[in-house]
N, C-alpha and C. Protein backbone atom coordinates (compact mmCIF):
# COMPACT_ATOMS: atom_id res chain seq x y z
N UNK A 1 -18.65 13.09 -7.31
CA UNK A 1 -17.32 14.29 -7.16
C UNK A 1 -16.54 13.84 -9.23
N UNK A 2 -16.47 14.81 -9.38
CA UNK A 2 -16.37 14.88 -10.94
C UNK A 2 -14.79 14.83 -11.02
N UNK A 3 -13.81 14.27 -11.56
CA UNK A 3 -12.30 14.80 -12.14
C UNK A 3 -12.19 13.93 -14.05
N UNK A 4 -11.39 15.05 -14.04
CA UNK A 4 -10.81 15.27 -16.25
C UNK A 4 -10.20 14.01 -15.70
N UNK A 5 -10.03 12.80 -16.87
CA UNK A 5 -8.60 12.80 -17.36
C UNK A 5 -7.82 13.64 -18.26
N UNK A 6 -6.20 13.18 -17.99
CA UNK A 6 -5.93 14.32 -18.68
C UNK A 6 -5.21 13.72 -20.20
N UNK A 7 -4.02 14.34 -20.97
CA UNK A 7 -3.73 13.55 -22.27
C UNK A 7 -2.82 12.39 -21.56
N UNK A 8 -2.62 11.75 -20.83
CA UNK A 8 -1.74 10.94 -20.43
C UNK A 8 -2.87 9.87 -19.85
N UNK A 9 -4.03 10.55 -19.02
CA UNK A 9 -4.86 8.78 -18.69
C UNK A 9 -4.89 9.32 -17.41
N UNK A 10 -3.74 10.20 -16.34
CA UNK A 10 -4.20 10.67 -15.24
C UNK A 10 -5.72 11.34 -14.95
N UNK A 11 -5.98 10.76 -13.86
CA UNK A 11 -6.42 11.88 -12.78
C UNK A 11 -5.95 12.33 -11.59
N UNK A 12 -6.43 13.55 -10.80
CA UNK A 12 -6.20 14.00 -9.50
C UNK A 12 -7.16 13.23 -8.55
N UNK A 13 -6.84 12.34 -7.45
CA UNK A 13 -7.32 12.74 -6.43
C UNK A 13 -7.96 14.12 -5.85
N UNK A 14 -9.31 14.55 -5.73
CA UNK A 14 -9.02 15.57 -4.50
C UNK A 14 -9.08 15.78 -3.40
N UNK A 15 -8.24 16.23 -3.06
CA UNK A 15 -7.29 17.01 -1.55
C UNK A 15 -8.07 15.97 -1.02
N UNK A 16 -9.14 16.63 -0.63
CA UNK A 16 -9.93 15.83 0.42
C UNK A 16 -10.02 14.34 0.80
N UNK A 17 -10.17 13.92 -0.75
CA UNK A 17 -9.69 12.90 -0.08
C UNK A 17 -8.51 12.22 0.08
N UNK A 18 -7.51 13.04 -0.75
CA UNK A 18 -6.48 12.55 -0.60
C UNK A 18 -6.42 12.68 1.28
N UNK A 19 -6.14 13.61 1.97
CA UNK A 19 -6.23 13.96 3.44
C UNK A 19 -6.88 12.97 4.38
N UNK A 20 -8.47 12.32 4.12
CA UNK A 20 -9.57 11.24 5.06
C UNK A 20 -8.68 10.13 4.69
N UNK A 21 -8.22 9.69 3.76
CA UNK A 21 -7.51 8.59 3.72
C UNK A 21 -5.39 9.00 3.74
N UNK A 22 -5.09 10.19 4.29
CA UNK A 22 -4.12 9.86 4.44
C UNK A 22 -2.90 9.62 3.47
N UNK A 23 -3.22 9.94 2.10
CA UNK A 23 -2.70 9.39 0.58
C UNK A 23 -1.32 10.72 0.77
N UNK A 24 -0.08 10.47 0.44
CA UNK A 24 1.10 11.31 -0.04
C UNK A 24 1.75 11.04 -0.72
N UNK A 25 1.91 12.17 -1.57
CA UNK A 25 2.94 11.92 -2.57
C UNK A 25 4.08 10.46 -2.72
N UNK A 26 4.20 9.66 -3.29
CA UNK A 26 5.13 8.51 -3.55
C UNK A 26 4.44 6.95 -2.78
N UNK A 27 3.21 7.31 -2.87
CA UNK A 27 1.94 6.34 -2.29
C UNK A 27 2.06 5.75 -2.97
N UNK A 28 1.71 3.78 -2.70
CA UNK A 28 1.20 3.27 -3.83
C UNK A 28 -0.19 3.61 -3.97
N UNK A 29 -0.63 2.86 -4.38
CA UNK A 29 -1.85 2.87 -4.79
C UNK A 29 -2.55 1.42 -5.57
N UNK A 30 -3.23 0.46 -4.78
CA UNK A 30 -4.25 -0.60 -5.23
C UNK A 30 -5.22 -0.41 -6.47
N UNK A 31 -5.16 -0.36 -7.75
CA UNK A 31 -6.08 -0.16 -8.68
C UNK A 31 -7.05 -1.40 -8.70
N UNK A 32 -7.90 -1.40 -9.13
CA UNK A 32 -8.61 -2.66 -9.84
C UNK A 32 -9.71 -2.28 -9.84
N UNK A 33 -10.34 -3.07 -10.94
CA UNK A 33 -11.79 -2.99 -11.80
C UNK A 33 -12.76 -3.61 -11.55
N UNK A 34 -13.43 -3.75 -10.97
CA UNK A 34 -14.58 -4.43 -10.09
C UNK A 34 -15.91 -3.87 -10.89
N UNK A 35 -16.74 -4.77 -11.72
CA UNK A 35 -18.16 -4.26 -12.37
C UNK A 35 -17.88 -3.22 -12.82
N UNK A 36 -17.64 -3.19 -13.59
CA UNK A 36 -17.40 -1.31 -14.81
C UNK A 36 -16.83 -0.61 -14.23
N UNK A 37 -16.88 -0.88 -12.46
CA UNK A 37 -15.98 0.54 -11.92
C UNK A 37 -14.46 0.49 -10.92
N UNK A 38 -13.91 1.42 -11.31
CA UNK A 38 -12.51 1.07 -10.85
C UNK A 38 -12.48 1.89 -9.51
N UNK A 39 -11.72 0.93 -8.48
CA UNK A 39 -11.33 0.98 -7.07
C UNK A 39 -9.87 1.33 -7.48
N UNK A 40 -9.58 1.89 -6.17
CA UNK A 40 -8.70 3.33 -5.93
C UNK A 40 -8.64 2.88 -4.09
N UNK A 41 -7.78 1.83 -3.59
CA UNK A 41 -6.96 1.73 -2.26
C UNK A 41 -5.61 2.32 -2.09
N UNK A 42 -5.83 3.17 -1.28
CA UNK A 42 -4.36 3.26 -0.52
C UNK A 42 -3.77 2.41 -0.04
N UNK A 43 -2.60 1.99 -0.02
CA UNK A 43 -1.64 0.69 0.31
C UNK A 43 -0.92 1.21 1.14
N UNK A 44 -0.93 1.12 2.28
CA UNK A 44 0.23 1.63 4.14
C UNK A 44 1.33 0.73 3.90
N UNK A 45 2.54 0.94 3.98
CA UNK A 45 3.26 -0.11 4.14
C UNK A 45 3.30 -0.37 4.58
N UNK A 46 4.61 -1.56 5.01
CA UNK A 46 4.68 -2.38 5.48
C UNK A 46 4.43 -2.39 7.07
N UNK A 47 5.29 -1.24 7.74
CA UNK A 47 5.35 -0.36 8.87
C UNK A 47 4.28 -0.32 9.74
N UNK A 48 3.85 0.80 8.99
CA UNK A 48 2.46 0.98 8.74
C UNK A 48 1.45 -0.16 9.47
N UNK A 49 1.25 -0.69 8.30
CA UNK A 49 0.36 -2.00 7.98
C UNK A 49 0.01 -2.78 9.72
N UNK A 50 1.32 -3.07 10.05
CA UNK A 50 1.40 -3.95 10.85
C UNK A 50 2.45 -3.64 12.28
N UNK A 51 2.31 -2.31 12.68
CA UNK A 51 2.96 -1.75 14.00
C UNK A 51 2.48 -1.75 14.92
N UNK A 52 3.27 -1.99 15.46
CA UNK A 52 2.91 -2.37 17.28
C UNK A 52 3.15 -4.33 17.30
N UNK A 53 3.13 -4.76 16.95
CA UNK A 53 2.94 -6.03 16.37
C UNK A 53 4.39 -7.27 17.25
N UNK A 54 5.27 -6.79 15.89
CA UNK A 54 6.88 -6.96 16.03
C UNK A 54 7.35 -6.68 17.17
N UNK A 55 8.30 -7.53 18.13
CA UNK A 55 8.91 -7.27 19.16
C UNK A 55 10.52 -7.13 19.02
N UNK A 56 10.65 -5.41 19.01
CA UNK A 56 12.52 -5.24 19.23
C UNK A 56 12.59 -4.31 18.35
N UNK A 57 12.22 -4.21 16.82
CA UNK A 57 12.63 -3.02 15.90
C UNK A 57 12.16 -2.36 16.12
N UNK A 58 12.22 -0.27 16.04
CA UNK A 58 11.41 0.25 16.16
C UNK A 58 11.48 1.36 15.01
N UNK A 59 12.05 0.84 14.34
CA UNK A 59 12.23 1.87 12.54
C UNK A 59 11.70 0.77 11.82
N UNK A 60 10.77 1.86 10.46
CA UNK A 60 10.20 1.93 9.73
C UNK A 60 10.91 0.99 9.05
N UNK A 61 12.60 0.86 8.69
CA UNK A 61 13.36 0.01 7.99
C UNK A 61 13.21 -1.05 8.65
N UNK A 62 13.51 -1.60 9.80
CA UNK A 62 13.76 -2.76 9.82
C UNK A 62 12.33 -3.16 10.76
N UNK A 63 11.90 -2.83 10.43
CA UNK A 63 10.14 -3.05 11.01
C UNK A 63 10.05 -3.61 9.46
N UNK A 64 10.10 -3.32 8.21
CA UNK A 64 10.14 -3.97 6.66
C UNK A 64 10.50 -5.46 6.64
N UNK A 65 12.53 -4.48 7.06
CA UNK A 65 13.41 -6.31 6.47
C UNK A 65 13.09 -7.20 7.31
N UNK A 66 12.11 -7.15 8.39
CA UNK A 66 12.03 -8.18 9.51
C UNK A 66 10.26 -8.90 8.88
N UNK A 67 9.66 -8.05 8.84
CA UNK A 67 8.61 -8.94 7.84
C UNK A 67 8.58 -9.94 6.56
N UNK A 68 9.73 -8.84 5.26
CA UNK A 68 9.90 -9.77 4.12
C UNK A 68 10.97 -10.84 4.72
N UNK A 69 11.64 -10.67 6.22
CA UNK A 69 12.16 -12.39 5.54
C UNK A 69 12.07 -12.77 6.49
N UNK A 70 10.68 -12.70 6.99
CA UNK A 70 9.62 -13.46 8.26
C UNK A 70 9.19 -14.26 6.58
N UNK A 71 8.34 -13.27 5.88
CA UNK A 71 7.74 -14.13 4.60
C UNK A 71 8.57 -14.93 3.75
N UNK A 72 9.65 -14.59 3.86
CA UNK A 72 10.54 -15.45 2.19
C UNK A 72 10.58 -16.53 3.34
N UNK A 73 10.98 -16.90 4.55
CA UNK A 73 11.46 -17.89 5.05
C UNK A 73 9.79 -19.17 4.85
N UNK A 74 8.52 -18.19 5.50
CA UNK A 74 7.45 -19.69 5.43
C UNK A 74 7.18 -19.99 4.06
N UNK A 75 7.56 -18.47 3.09
CA UNK A 75 7.38 -19.29 1.69
C UNK A 75 8.57 -20.34 1.16
N UNK A 76 9.52 -20.22 1.91
CA UNK A 76 10.41 -21.57 1.43
C UNK A 76 9.71 -22.57 2.17
N UNK A 77 9.56 -22.31 3.07
CA UNK A 77 9.28 -23.43 3.70
C UNK A 77 7.86 -24.76 3.24
N UNK A 78 6.90 -23.72 3.08
CA UNK A 78 5.67 -24.19 2.65
C UNK A 78 5.06 -23.84 1.27
N UNK A 79 6.52 -23.29 0.08
CA UNK A 79 5.80 -23.55 -0.97
C UNK A 79 7.13 -23.56 -1.78
N UNK A 80 8.31 -23.88 -1.49
CA UNK A 80 9.45 -24.68 -2.37
C UNK A 80 9.12 -25.56 -1.97
N UNK A 81 10.23 -25.98 -2.45
CA UNK A 81 10.62 -27.78 -2.12
C UNK A 81 11.66 -27.81 -2.91
C-alpha cells in the first residue's frame, strides 16, 4: 500500500491498519528507523498493557499511578544512590 507525505511531513495510516491495531486518535506511536525502514508501532497505555496483573485499583488512572509509583521506587532503590 502507498501513502503520500504532505507538506508538513505527515502521512495517514490507512483506516484498515488503524482498526486492526486498535490505533485511536491521540494514541502515541513508537517510530523507529531500522535498516532504512521506518517502523511504526502503537504504544498501549500502562493500564491496557498490564491489565489484570495489579491487585486493587480498577480505574485506568489508578493503575497508571500505582505503576509509575512502583517504577519510581525501583529506580530510586537500584539506580540512585
